[in-house]
Every structure is written in C-alpha cells, then in structure tokens.
Amino acid sequence: MQGERLGDRWLVVAAEDVDASHLRRGQLGTSELRQVREASYQLSQLPIRVEDSPVISMDHVRSVARMLKSKGGCDRVIVDYLQLCDMKSDQNNRNREQEVTQATRKAKLMAKELDVPVLLLSQLNRMSEGRPDCRPLLSDLRESGAIEQDADMVMLLYRPALHGLKTEHKSRYPSDGLGVVIVAKHRNDETGDVYFGHNPSLTKMGDYIPPDEWLMKHAK
C-alpha cells in the first residue's frame, strides 16, 4: 500500500465522525472537512516513517530500522505483510516455506538486536473456511510453521459476520459489528479471546457492547 493510501486510512481513524466513503469520493461535509484537517495536522506531527518501496526485503527493513534506531527514532517496526517481502537469495534451491522461515527468523533477530517490538502481519490459508464456525487456528498461518515457532505472540483476527454467521459460536454474541482477536499464542501470558466492535463505515475498532435486545434476553 502506498504511503498516501495508508495516510487516508489513518485520517479516517483519527477523525471521529468521518465516513470513509465520503473521504474516498471527496464528498466531505463542513464538519468532516474540519475533522480531517485537524487529524491531518496531528498525524503530521507523529514520528512515523512509511517505507513503501515496491520491493522490500527483511534485510532492507533491518537496515532502515538500525539507521533510525541510531538516531533515537525507532520504537516499533510493523511489516505489512510478511508474504509480500522480497525473499530472494543466492540459494536457488530454496522453496517458499524455507524462504518464509528465513524471513521470520530475521525479523526475530532484528527485534532482539534493536530491542523493539516487531509486528508481522501475515496471510492465512483457507483451511478455516471448511470449519463450521470458520475460526482461524495457528495451523492456518500461511506457508510456514516458523511464524508460529518464532513469534512471542500470535493474534488472529476473526469476524463471524463475514462468513454469514448470525452469532459467534463461543460467546453467542450476535455477529453484526462483532470482531474477535484470538490470542492463539502468548509466550509470557495466557491465551484467549478479546472481543471488539467494528464499524465498517468509519473503518474503526472499539469496545464491543452487545445490543440491548441481547442483554435483556440473556440477563440473569
């Protein structure tokens, strides 16, 4: 994603009541335009660097992060996303799984070397679509078990409404506007589910509050 497009998403998230479709179409109202301008100024003050070159390897990410760290300006590294990294090497006999394994290992070493959290976004395979509740599992991480092995924490995002489900299987919450962060691995703490509310028109995540009808029905 280009830096400008990522900036558009940040603007929508930072502005409280701006409809994402209005921003894309250039149809902002007076109040929305004011919020976007304020959010734009606030975001411009943040110490964030977006590296949106079309081909980026993990070695390149490490090099840039080391340079920023030496200047006191690298507190976190986010890679969006792992499978898009350039993983070519001099060893032509490597398969895709070995390449991903090498990339995750380099990310792990970078986190330890720079003493900063490294957040890797990753694709999932389609195995979850064959399950009744379509919940993703650790084994669904695409192309390599090394992602699970090297990560200190693995969080899987799950929105049952996208799979046509009326309720979330475990909690029985209605699926409309519901999302789940499945903490599938946590090296230093517990695993479990964290529920969040999702507003697609505002492209926002927040606290999940069940509808009044559901609360009344399940009140003890």
Protein backbone atom coordinates (compact mmCIF):
# COMPACT_ATOMS: atom_id res chain seq x y z
CA MET A 1 0.00 0.00 0.00
CA GLN A 2 1.33 3.44 -0.91
CA GLY A 3 2.03 5.87 1.90
CA GLU A 4 -0.71 8.22 0.66
CA ARG A 5 -3.34 5.48 0.80
CA LEU A 6 -2.19 4.45 4.26
CA GLY A 7 -2.42 8.11 5.27
CA ASP A 8 -6.04 8.20 4.09
CA ARG A 9 -6.86 5.32 6.41
CA TRP A 10 -5.11 6.98 9.31
CA LEU A 11 -7.10 10.15 8.68
CA VAL A 12 -10.41 8.27 8.83
CA VAL A 13 -9.38 6.53 12.06
CA ALA A 14 -8.09 9.74 13.67
CA ALA A 15 -11.16 11.78 12.70
CA GLU A 16 -14.09 10.88 14.95
CA ASP A 17 -17.11 11.00 12.65
CA VAL A 18 -15.80 10.91 9.09
CA ASP A 19 -17.37 8.34 6.76
CA ALA A 20 -14.61 6.56 4.82
CA SER A 21 -16.65 6.59 1.61
CA HIS A 22 -17.06 10.39 1.85
CA LEU A 23 -13.29 10.83 2.03
CA ARG A 24 -12.68 8.49 -0.92
CA ARG A 25 -15.24 10.33 -3.07
CA GLY A 26 -14.23 13.83 -1.99
CA GLN A 27 -17.74 14.50 -0.62
CA LEU A 28 -16.86 15.73 2.86
CA GLY A 29 -19.27 17.93 4.76
CA THR A 30 -18.14 21.04 6.61
CA SER A 31 -17.79 19.20 9.93
CA GLU A 32 -16.00 16.25 8.31
CA LEU A 33 -13.59 18.55 6.48
CA ARG A 34 -12.70 20.30 9.73
CA GLN A 35 -12.05 16.97 11.45
CA VAL A 36 -9.87 15.76 8.56
CA ARG A 37 -7.78 18.92 8.66
CA GLU A 38 -7.27 18.61 12.41
CA ALA A 39 -6.41 14.92 12.12
CA SER A 40 -4.03 15.62 9.24
CA TYR A 41 -2.10 18.13 11.33
CA GLN A 42 -1.92 15.77 14.31
CA LEU A 43 -0.70 12.88 12.16
CA SER A 44 1.95 15.08 10.52
CA GLN A 45 3.50 15.60 13.96
CA LEU A 46 3.89 11.89 14.68
CA PRO A 47 7.36 10.31 14.30
CA ILE A 48 6.22 7.68 11.79
CA ARG A 49 8.18 6.61 8.72
CA VAL A 50 6.43 4.73 5.93
CA GLU A 51 8.72 2.70 3.67
CA ASP A 52 6.53 1.99 0.65
CA SER A 53 9.09 0.92 -1.94
CA PRO A 54 7.60 -1.75 -4.25
CA VAL A 55 10.23 -4.38 -3.39
CA ILE A 56 11.47 -4.57 0.21
CA SER A 57 13.41 -7.39 1.83
CA MET A 58 13.73 -8.09 5.54
CA ASP A 59 17.38 -7.07 5.27
CA HIS A 60 16.28 -3.67 3.95
CA VAL A 61 13.79 -3.28 6.81
CA ARG A 62 16.54 -4.13 9.30
CA SER A 63 18.93 -1.63 7.68
CA VAL A 64 16.39 1.21 7.85
CA ALA A 65 15.39 0.30 11.41
CA ARG A 66 19.04 0.28 12.53
CA MET A 67 19.59 3.70 10.97
CA LEU A 68 16.51 5.12 12.72
CA LYS A 69 17.49 3.45 15.99
CA SER A 70 20.93 5.07 15.86
CA LYS A 71 19.14 8.43 15.65
CA GLY A 72 16.85 7.54 18.54
CA GLY A 73 13.80 7.25 16.31
CA CYS A 74 12.76 3.58 16.18
CA ASP A 75 10.46 2.27 18.89
CA ARG A 76 8.49 -0.24 16.80
CA VAL A 77 8.65 -1.97 13.42
CA ILE A 78 5.49 -3.01 11.54
CA VAL A 79 5.73 -5.16 8.39
CA ASP A 80 2.60 -5.25 6.22
CA TYR A 81 2.76 -8.00 5.28
CA LEU A 82 5.25 -10.88 5.61
CA GLN A 83 4.44 -12.76 2.40
CA LEU A 84 4.98 -9.60 0.31
CA CYS A 85 8.60 -9.24 1.42
CA ASP A 86 11.25 -9.92 -1.19
CA MET A 87 12.73 -13.25 -0.10
CA LYS A 88 15.10 -13.95 -2.97
CA SER A 89 18.56 -15.21 -2.06
CA ASP A 90 21.64 -16.70 -3.68
CA GLN A 91 20.39 -20.17 -2.80
CA ASN A 92 18.18 -21.04 -5.76
CA ASN A 93 17.20 -24.42 -4.34
CA ARG A 94 15.07 -22.94 -1.54
CA ASN A 95 11.33 -23.47 -1.60
CA ARG A 96 8.75 -20.95 -0.43
CA GLU A 97 8.43 -22.40 3.06
CA GLN A 98 12.17 -22.13 3.62
CA GLU A 99 12.14 -18.53 2.38
CA VAL A 100 9.36 -17.55 4.81
CA THR A 101 11.19 -19.36 7.60
CA GLN A 102 14.32 -17.31 6.89
CA ALA A 103 12.32 -14.06 6.82
CA THR A 104 10.64 -14.73 10.18
CA ARG A 105 14.00 -15.64 11.69
CA LYS A 106 15.48 -12.35 10.50
CA ALA A 107 12.52 -10.47 12.00
CA LYS A 108 13.10 -12.23 15.33
CA LEU A 109 16.80 -11.37 15.30
CA MET A 110 16.00 -7.76 14.41
CA ALA A 111 13.65 -7.47 17.39
CA LYS A 112 16.35 -8.80 19.73
CA GLU A 113 19.15 -6.72 18.21
CA LEU A 114 17.25 -3.41 18.32
CA ASP A 115 15.26 -4.26 21.46
CA VAL A 116 11.98 -3.14 19.84
CA PRO A 117 8.72 -5.00 19.15
CA VAL A 118 8.40 -6.21 15.54
CA LEU A 119 4.83 -6.71 14.37
CA LEU A 120 4.47 -9.02 11.36
CA LEU A 121 1.17 -9.16 9.53
CA SER A 122 0.61 -12.48 7.77
CA GLN A 123 -1.86 -14.08 5.44
CA LEU A 124 -3.83 -17.18 6.40
CA ASN A 125 -4.63 -20.14 4.23
CA ARG A 126 -8.25 -21.12 3.52
CA MET A 127 -8.47 -24.15 5.80
CA SER A 128 -10.69 -22.28 8.29
CA GLU A 129 -13.43 -21.96 5.66
CA GLY A 130 -14.05 -25.70 5.96
CA ARG A 131 -14.87 -25.49 9.67
CA PRO A 132 -18.43 -24.94 10.91
CA ASP A 133 -17.56 -21.71 12.74
CA CYS A 134 -14.75 -20.68 10.33
CA ARG A 135 -12.50 -19.71 13.27
CA PRO A 136 -8.80 -19.50 12.30
CA LEU A 137 -6.18 -21.60 14.07
CA LEU A 138 -2.41 -21.36 14.45
CA SER A 139 -2.03 -24.02 11.78
CA ASP A 140 -3.71 -21.66 9.28
CA LEU A 141 -0.70 -19.32 9.15
CA ARG A 142 0.25 -19.39 5.51
CA GLU A 143 3.32 -21.11 4.11
CA SER A 144 5.36 -21.78 7.23
CA GLY A 145 5.14 -23.13 10.76
CA ALA A 146 8.17 -20.97 11.56
CA ILE A 147 5.85 -17.98 12.07
CA GLU A 148 4.23 -19.77 14.99
CA GLN A 149 7.59 -21.03 16.24
CA ASP A 150 9.42 -17.69 16.26
CA ALA A 151 6.60 -15.40 17.41
CA ASP A 152 6.27 -14.42 21.07
CA MET A 153 2.60 -13.71 20.46
CA VAL A 154 0.19 -14.67 17.68
CA MET A 155 -3.13 -12.85 17.34
CA LEU A 156 -5.70 -14.00 14.77
CA LEU A 157 -8.48 -11.65 13.64
CA TYR A 158 -11.94 -13.16 13.21
CA ARG A 159 -15.24 -11.58 12.15
CA PRO A 160 -18.04 -14.18 12.05
CA ALA A 161 -20.36 -11.90 10.06
CA LEU A 162 -18.02 -12.18 7.06
CA HIS A 163 -18.80 -15.91 6.96
CA GLY A 164 -22.57 -15.45 7.09
CA LEU A 165 -22.87 -16.49 10.73
CA LYS A 166 -25.61 -14.89 12.83
CA THR A 167 -23.85 -15.43 16.17
CA GLU A 168 -20.32 -16.05 17.39
CA HIS A 169 -20.07 -19.70 18.37
CA LYS A 170 -18.28 -19.42 21.74
CA SER A 171 -19.85 -16.28 23.24
CA ARG A 172 -23.22 -16.43 21.47
CA TYR A 173 -22.91 -12.71 20.79
CA PRO A 174 -24.70 -11.51 17.64
CA SER A 175 -22.13 -11.26 14.86
CA ASP A 176 -23.22 -7.90 13.45
CA GLY A 177 -20.44 -5.42 14.24
CA LEU A 178 -18.54 -8.03 16.24
CA GLY A 179 -14.89 -8.93 15.90
CA VAL A 180 -12.62 -11.25 17.86
CA VAL A 181 -8.89 -11.07 18.49
CA ILE A 182 -7.90 -14.68 19.12
CA VAL A 183 -4.69 -14.68 21.18
CA ALA A 184 -3.59 -18.10 19.96
CA LYS A 185 -0.07 -17.95 21.39
CA HIS A 186 1.42 -15.89 24.18
CA ARG A 187 4.86 -16.88 25.34
CA ASN A 188 4.62 -14.98 28.64
CA ASP A 189 0.91 -14.94 29.45
CA GLU A 190 -2.47 -16.55 28.86
CA THR A 191 -4.24 -17.16 25.58
CA GLY A 192 -7.91 -16.48 24.90
CA ASP A 193 -10.38 -14.24 23.05
CA VAL A 194 -10.72 -10.46 23.12
CA TYR A 195 -13.95 -9.06 21.66
CA PHE A 196 -14.09 -5.75 19.82
CA GLY A 197 -16.67 -3.71 17.99
CA HIS A 198 -16.15 -2.98 14.29
CA ASN A 199 -17.68 -0.05 12.43
CA PRO A 200 -17.11 -0.64 8.70
CA SER A 201 -18.36 2.78 7.56
CA LEU A 202 -15.87 4.58 9.83
CA THR A 203 -13.17 1.88 9.47
CA LYS A 204 -12.83 1.78 13.24
CA MET A 205 -12.39 -0.75 16.01
CA GLY A 206 -13.51 -0.14 19.58
CA ASP A 207 -15.09 -1.73 22.62
CA TYR A 208 -17.86 -4.23 21.94
CA ILE A 209 -21.18 -3.69 23.68
CA PRO A 210 -23.88 -6.29 22.92
CA PRO A 211 -27.23 -4.90 21.68
CA ASP A 212 -29.86 -4.08 24.32
CA GLU A 213 -32.12 -6.86 22.99
CA TRP A 214 -29.38 -9.45 23.55
CA LEU A 215 -28.61 -8.13 27.04
CA MET A 216 -32.28 -8.22 28.04
CA LYS A 217 -32.68 -11.74 26.69
CA HIS A 218 -29.62 -13.08 28.50
CA ALA A 219 -29.95 -11.07 31.71
CA LYS A 220 -29.92 -13.25 34.81
